[in-house]
């Protein structure tokens, strides 16, 4: 199996912050130990290419790492090194998407920064790598239609805004309703769940709504597989178990693979009190992708945890 990884993320440092940036390095090592091949990303996305999604004025703020009304809503530090890490992750999501188009699926050890808007930062997001990968592949004629399935605990507001009224991109976000961002943006399909929602009602809602994604018949599916719906997450209030998250991943990934829809997985959020728990859940998602692409009918639940 191949995963996309930017070695430069090993130095991605947010200091004492709830976002566990160290997970990228740990995940890369754990996947290599399991026999995965890491496809390296060493060149950041160009500033010119980022104009496919982001405004010139905002990109200038990022280029010079300066606090302005366009960057002030970020909840992480703003340094040239951190900005380069986001450009690397945008390049990684694009590379993972290209690989998925060839191989049916690909796992990106990074990405999923769905709160970034065209003209400003929000949350922990400076560059919307999901939107960038879609726009770049459309520009190149590699795809016509794409779908984003965003199952982070927070709504993918930036992504929904970017693709509002765009008939070539279907955005589906299922998230905790009484949580940031407030107000929500309107995507093609938004499902807000109450605090405390556990495995059974969550999975029932996902099974109910996924058919609309399949009916769209996208050329590529980007799965923002944030693991912050986990019941022990610090920033969310949903109550999914390890097993529930695994079934969530299976419904999306196997559903796409069975239909011949290439799927690229990005990590998104995950803020368990122990970084090891966040890593374990991301590894589980990688295992589901491997099982789906290899055609395993009865996978071992504990293979990656």
Protein backbone atom coordinates (compact mmCIF):
# COMPACT_ATOMS: atom_id res chain seq x y z
CA UNK A 1 0.00 0.00 0.00
CA UNK A 2 1.08 3.56 -0.73
CA UNK A 3 0.59 6.57 1.51
CA UNK A 4 1.53 10.14 0.68
CA UNK A 5 3.68 11.94 3.25
CA UNK A 6 5.68 15.16 3.37
CA UNK A 7 8.90 14.55 5.37
CA UNK A 8 8.97 18.29 6.09
CA UNK A 9 6.01 17.81 8.42
CA UNK A 10 8.37 16.19 10.92
CA UNK A 11 9.33 19.73 11.94
CA UNK A 12 5.74 21.06 11.91
CA UNK A 13 5.63 22.48 15.44
CA UNK A 14 2.69 24.26 17.03
CA UNK A 15 4.18 24.25 20.51
CA UNK A 16 1.81 23.66 23.41
CA UNK A 17 -1.35 23.34 21.36
CA UNK A 18 -4.34 21.01 21.35
CA UNK A 19 -3.68 20.16 17.70
CA UNK A 20 -1.34 17.12 17.81
CA UNK A 21 1.01 18.01 14.94
CA UNK A 22 3.36 15.25 16.04
CA UNK A 23 0.83 12.67 14.81
CA UNK A 24 2.07 12.96 11.23
CA UNK A 25 5.57 11.74 12.04
CA UNK A 26 4.27 8.93 14.26
CA UNK A 27 1.75 7.79 11.65
CA UNK A 28 4.39 7.73 8.93
CA UNK A 29 6.62 5.52 11.06
CA UNK A 30 3.79 3.18 12.06
CA UNK A 31 2.64 2.70 8.46
CA UNK A 32 6.19 1.98 7.31
CA UNK A 33 6.43 -0.63 10.06
CA UNK A 34 3.32 -2.25 8.56
CA UNK A 35 4.90 -2.43 5.12
CA UNK A 36 3.39 0.65 3.52
CA UNK A 37 5.42 2.62 0.98
CA UNK A 38 5.55 6.35 1.65
CA UNK A 39 5.37 8.52 -1.45
CA UNK A 40 7.26 11.69 -0.49
CA UNK A 41 6.05 15.25 -1.00
CA UNK A 42 8.99 17.63 -1.00
CA UNK A 43 7.81 20.64 -3.04
CA UNK A 44 5.06 22.89 -1.68
CA UNK A 45 2.19 24.02 -3.87
CA UNK A 46 3.09 27.21 -5.73
CA UNK A 47 1.53 30.48 -4.70
CA UNK A 48 0.20 30.85 -8.22
CA UNK A 49 -1.61 27.51 -8.09
CA UNK A 50 -3.16 28.40 -4.73
CA UNK A 51 -4.96 31.24 -6.50
CA UNK A 52 -7.27 28.56 -7.88
CA UNK A 53 -8.91 28.66 -4.44
CA UNK A 54 -7.57 31.60 -2.43
CA UNK A 55 -7.55 35.33 -3.08
CA UNK A 56 -4.29 37.15 -3.92
CA UNK A 57 -4.56 39.46 -0.89
CA UNK A 58 -4.97 36.55 1.52
CA UNK A 59 -2.10 34.64 -0.06
CA UNK A 60 0.15 37.69 0.33
CA UNK A 61 -0.66 37.72 4.04
CA UNK A 62 0.31 34.07 4.26
CA UNK A 63 3.44 34.54 2.16
CA UNK A 64 4.69 37.18 4.61
CA UNK A 65 3.22 35.48 7.72
CA UNK A 66 1.49 38.66 8.84
CA UNK A 67 -1.51 39.13 11.12
CA UNK A 68 -4.28 40.97 9.31
CA UNK A 69 -8.10 40.85 9.32
CA UNK A 70 -7.71 37.92 6.90
CA UNK A 71 -5.52 35.80 9.19
CA UNK A 72 -6.66 36.87 12.65
CA UNK A 73 -9.37 34.21 12.96
CA UNK A 74 -6.76 31.47 12.91
CA UNK A 75 -6.37 29.55 16.16
CA UNK A 76 -2.79 28.43 15.51
CA UNK A 77 0.48 30.38 15.25
CA UNK A 78 1.37 32.08 11.98
CA UNK A 79 5.00 31.56 10.93
CA UNK A 80 6.69 30.98 7.60
CA UNK A 81 7.41 27.38 8.62
CA UNK A 82 3.79 26.67 9.48
CA UNK A 83 2.59 28.26 6.23
CA UNK A 84 5.03 26.08 4.27
CA UNK A 85 3.67 23.02 6.08
CA UNK A 86 0.17 23.89 4.85
CA UNK A 87 1.46 24.33 1.31
CA UNK A 88 3.14 20.94 1.59
CA UNK A 89 -0.09 19.36 2.76
CA UNK A 90 -1.99 20.89 -0.15
CA UNK A 91 0.60 19.34 -2.45
CA UNK A 92 0.13 16.06 -0.58
CA UNK A 93 -3.62 15.98 -1.03
CA UNK A 94 -3.17 16.68 -4.74
CA UNK A 95 -0.60 13.89 -5.07
CA UNK A 96 -2.83 11.50 -3.12
CA UNK A 97 -5.73 12.38 -5.42
CA UNK A 98 -3.59 11.63 -8.49
CA UNK A 99 -2.56 8.33 -6.95
CA UNK A 100 -6.18 7.49 -6.13
CA UNK A 101 -7.19 8.08 -9.75
CA UNK A 102 -4.57 5.51 -10.77
CA UNK A 103 -4.92 2.93 -8.02
CA UNK A 104 -8.50 3.36 -6.78
CA UNK A 105 -7.55 4.91 -3.45
CA UNK A 106 -4.80 6.60 -1.51
CA UNK A 107 -4.12 7.66 2.09
CA UNK A 108 -2.65 11.08 2.80
CA UNK A 109 -0.83 11.48 6.10
CA UNK A 110 -2.07 15.04 6.37
CA UNK A 111 -4.69 17.34 4.90
CA UNK A 112 -8.37 17.85 5.55
CA UNK A 113 -8.17 21.56 6.46
CA UNK A 114 -11.76 22.32 5.67
CA UNK A 115 -12.25 25.60 7.58
CA UNK A 116 -10.06 27.75 5.31
CA UNK A 117 -12.07 30.16 3.15
CA UNK A 118 -10.94 31.77 -0.10
CA UNK A 119 -10.11 35.03 1.65
CA UNK A 120 -9.40 34.17 5.28
CA UNK A 121 -8.21 31.60 7.78
CA UNK A 122 -10.41 29.92 10.36
CA UNK A 123 -9.88 27.38 13.11
CA UNK A 124 -6.66 25.48 12.58
CA UNK A 125 -6.74 25.99 8.79
CA UNK A 126 -4.76 28.30 6.52
CA UNK A 127 -5.04 26.51 3.15
CA UNK A 128 -8.03 24.48 2.00
CA UNK A 129 -6.21 21.50 0.53
CA UNK A 130 -9.45 19.67 -0.32
CA UNK A 131 -10.73 22.48 -2.51
CA UNK A 132 -7.31 23.04 -4.04
CA UNK A 133 -6.90 19.41 -5.14
CA UNK A 134 -10.34 19.41 -6.75
CA UNK A 135 -9.80 22.70 -8.59
CA UNK A 136 -6.35 21.68 -9.83
CA UNK A 137 -7.55 18.33 -11.18
CA UNK A 138 -10.53 20.02 -12.84
CA UNK A 139 -8.21 22.59 -14.40
CA UNK A 140 -6.08 19.79 -15.82
CA UNK A 141 -9.10 17.93 -17.14
CA UNK A 142 -8.36 14.91 -14.93
CA UNK A 143 -11.83 15.00 -13.35
CA UNK A 144 -15.12 16.73 -14.03
CA UNK A 145 -17.10 16.00 -10.87
CA UNK A 146 -15.91 15.47 -7.29
CA UNK A 147 -17.55 14.78 -3.97
CA UNK A 148 -16.34 15.65 -0.49
CA UNK A 149 -17.54 13.44 2.36
CA UNK A 150 -16.59 15.29 5.52
CA UNK A 151 -17.13 13.36 8.75
CA UNK A 152 -15.06 15.54 11.05
CA UNK A 153 -16.94 16.54 14.21
CA UNK A 154 -16.94 20.14 12.92
CA UNK A 155 -18.76 21.20 9.77
CA UNK A 156 -16.55 21.76 6.73
CA UNK A 157 -17.65 25.37 6.43
CA UNK A 158 -14.84 26.63 4.20
CA UNK A 159 -15.25 23.80 1.73
CA UNK A 160 -19.03 24.25 1.63
CA UNK A 161 -18.61 27.97 0.97
CA UNK A 162 -16.05 27.48 -1.79
CA UNK A 163 -18.26 25.06 -3.71
CA UNK A 164 -21.61 26.72 -3.04
CA UNK A 165 -23.71 26.67 -6.21
CA UNK A 166 -21.07 24.67 -8.07
CA UNK A 167 -22.87 21.76 -9.77
CA UNK A 168 -19.58 19.91 -10.37
CA UNK A 169 -18.80 19.39 -6.66
CA UNK A 170 -21.04 17.72 -4.08
CA UNK A 171 -20.26 18.51 -0.44
CA UNK A 172 -21.62 16.31 2.35
CA UNK A 173 -20.81 17.17 5.94
CA UNK A 174 -22.11 15.23 8.95
CA UNK A 175 -21.07 16.88 12.17
CA UNK A 176 -22.07 17.96 15.66
CA UNK A 177 -24.62 20.75 15.28
CA UNK A 178 -24.16 22.65 18.57
CA UNK A 179 -20.47 23.24 18.00
CA UNK A 180 -18.10 25.47 16.02
CA UNK A 181 -18.54 26.79 13.38
CA UNK A 182 -21.49 29.05 14.15
CA UNK A 183 -23.26 29.85 11.93
CA UNK A 184 -22.85 26.90 9.58
CA UNK A 185 -22.47 27.27 5.83
CA UNK A 186 -24.89 25.55 3.45
CA UNK A 187 -23.36 22.66 1.55
CA UNK A 188 -25.18 20.26 -0.73
CA UNK A 189 -25.98 17.97 2.20
CA UNK A 190 -25.50 18.95 5.85
CA UNK A 191 -26.49 16.68 8.71
CA UNK A 192 -26.17 18.18 12.17
CA UNK A 193 -26.21 15.74 15.07
CA UNK A 194 -26.90 16.48 18.74
CA UNK A 195 -24.24 16.24 21.40
CA UNK A 196 -23.85 12.73 22.76
CA UNK A 197 -24.81 10.94 19.52
CA UNK A 198 -23.35 7.44 19.66
CA UNK A 199 -22.61 4.66 17.22
CA UNK A 200 -26.09 3.41 16.39
CA UNK A 201 -27.83 6.69 15.48
CA UNK A 202 -24.69 8.06 13.85
CA UNK A 203 -24.27 5.07 11.56
CA UNK A 204 -27.98 5.00 10.79
CA UNK A 205 -27.79 8.62 9.64
CA UNK A 206 -24.71 7.90 7.55
CA UNK A 207 -26.36 4.91 5.86
CA UNK A 208 -29.41 7.05 5.15
CA UNK A 209 -27.54 9.91 3.50
CA UNK A 210 -24.60 8.30 1.68
CA UNK A 211 -26.80 7.21 -1.26
CA UNK A 212 -27.02 10.85 -2.31
CA UNK A 213 -23.25 10.88 -2.72
CA UNK A 214 -23.31 7.70 -4.79
CA UNK A 215 -26.14 9.09 -6.93
CA UNK A 216 -23.95 12.09 -7.79
CA UNK A 217 -21.50 9.66 -9.46
CA UNK A 218 -18.32 11.66 -8.80
CA UNK A 219 -15.08 11.02 -10.65
CA UNK A 220 -13.25 11.34 -7.33
CA UNK A 221 -14.25 11.25 -3.67
CA UNK A 222 -12.29 13.12 -1.03
CA UNK A 223 -12.97 11.66 2.40
CA UNK A 224 -12.18 14.01 5.28
CA UNK A 225 -11.88 11.31 7.90
CA UNK A 226 -11.47 13.36 11.06
CA UNK A 227 -11.47 11.14 14.15
CA UNK A 228 -12.78 13.82 16.51
CA UNK A 229 -16.27 12.24 16.71
CA UNK A 230 -14.50 9.84 19.11
CA UNK A 231 -16.18 9.77 22.52
CA UNK A 232 -12.95 10.79 24.28
CA UNK A 233 -12.12 13.72 22.05
CA UNK A 234 -11.37 17.02 23.80
CA UNK A 235 -12.99 19.32 21.22
CA UNK A 236 -16.09 17.37 20.31
CA UNK A 237 -19.20 16.05 22.01
CA UNK A 238 -20.16 13.07 19.89
CA UNK A 239 -19.75 9.61 21.38
CA UNK A 240 -18.46 7.21 18.75
CA UNK A 241 -16.44 4.21 19.88
CA UNK A 242 -13.37 2.79 18.17
CA UNK A 243 -15.62 0.19 16.53
CA UNK A 244 -18.15 2.83 15.49
CA UNK A 245 -15.46 4.89 13.79
CA UNK A 246 -14.24 1.81 11.99
CA UNK A 247 -17.72 1.08 10.64
CA UNK A 248 -18.07 4.74 9.63
CA UNK A 249 -14.85 4.47 7.61
CA UNK A 250 -15.93 1.19 6.09
CA UNK A 251 -19.27 2.57 4.89
CA UNK A 252 -17.57 5.44 3.07
CA UNK A 253 -14.43 3.76 1.76
CA UNK A 254 -15.88 0.39 0.80
CA UNK A 255 -18.94 2.11 -0.61
CA UNK A 256 -16.75 4.15 -2.94
CA UNK A 257 -14.45 1.29 -3.91
CA UNK A 258 -17.36 -1.04 -4.71
CA UNK A 259 -18.74 1.59 -7.07
CA UNK A 260 -15.43 2.20 -8.79
CA UNK A 261 -15.09 5.71 -7.33
CA UNK A 262 -11.46 6.59 -6.53
CA UNK A 263 -11.17 7.74 -2.93
CA UNK A 264 -8.49 9.84 -1.27
CA UNK A 265 -8.42 9.89 2.53
CA UNK A 266 -7.25 12.97 4.44
CA UNK A 267 -6.83 13.00 8.21
CA UNK A 268 -8.65 16.10 9.40
CA UNK A 269 -9.09 16.52 13.15
CA UNK A 270 -8.50 14.34 16.18
CA UNK A 271 -7.85 15.66 19.68
CA UNK A 272 -7.92 12.76 22.10
CA UNK A 273 -6.17 13.45 25.38
CA UNK A 274 -3.48 10.94 24.44
CA UNK A 275 -1.87 11.39 21.03
CA UNK A 276 -1.56 7.61 20.86
CA UNK A 277 -5.36 7.29 20.75
CA UNK A 278 -5.57 9.76 17.86
CA UNK A 279 -2.83 7.89 16.00
CA UNK A 280 -4.55 4.56 16.62
CA UNK A 281 -7.79 5.83 15.08
CA UNK A 282 -6.05 7.24 12.01
CA UNK A 283 -4.22 3.93 11.59
CA UNK A 284 -7.54 2.14 11.76
CA UNK A 285 -8.80 4.28 8.87
CA UNK A 286 -5.68 3.37 6.88
CA UNK A 287 -6.39 -0.29 7.58
CA UNK A 288 -9.95 0.03 6.28
CA UNK A 289 -8.63 1.56 3.05
CA UNK A 290 -6.09 -1.24 2.66
CA UNK A 291 -8.76 -3.86 3.23
CA UNK A 292 -11.14 -2.25 0.73
CA UNK A 293 -8.52 -1.99 -2.01
CA UNK A 294 -7.25 -5.53 -1.47
CA UNK A 295 -10.75 -7.01 -1.51
CA UNK A 296 -10.58 -8.52 1.98
CA UNK A 297 -14.09 -9.69 2.96
CA UNK A 298 -13.45 -10.47 6.62
CA UNK A 299 -10.83 -8.04 7.87
CA UNK A 300 -9.28 -8.27 11.30
CA UNK A 301 -10.77 -5.53 13.45
CA UNK A 302 -7.56 -5.27 15.47
CA UNK A 303 -5.13 -5.22 12.56
CA UNK A 304 -4.19 -1.57 13.04
CA UNK A 305 -5.04 -0.81 16.63
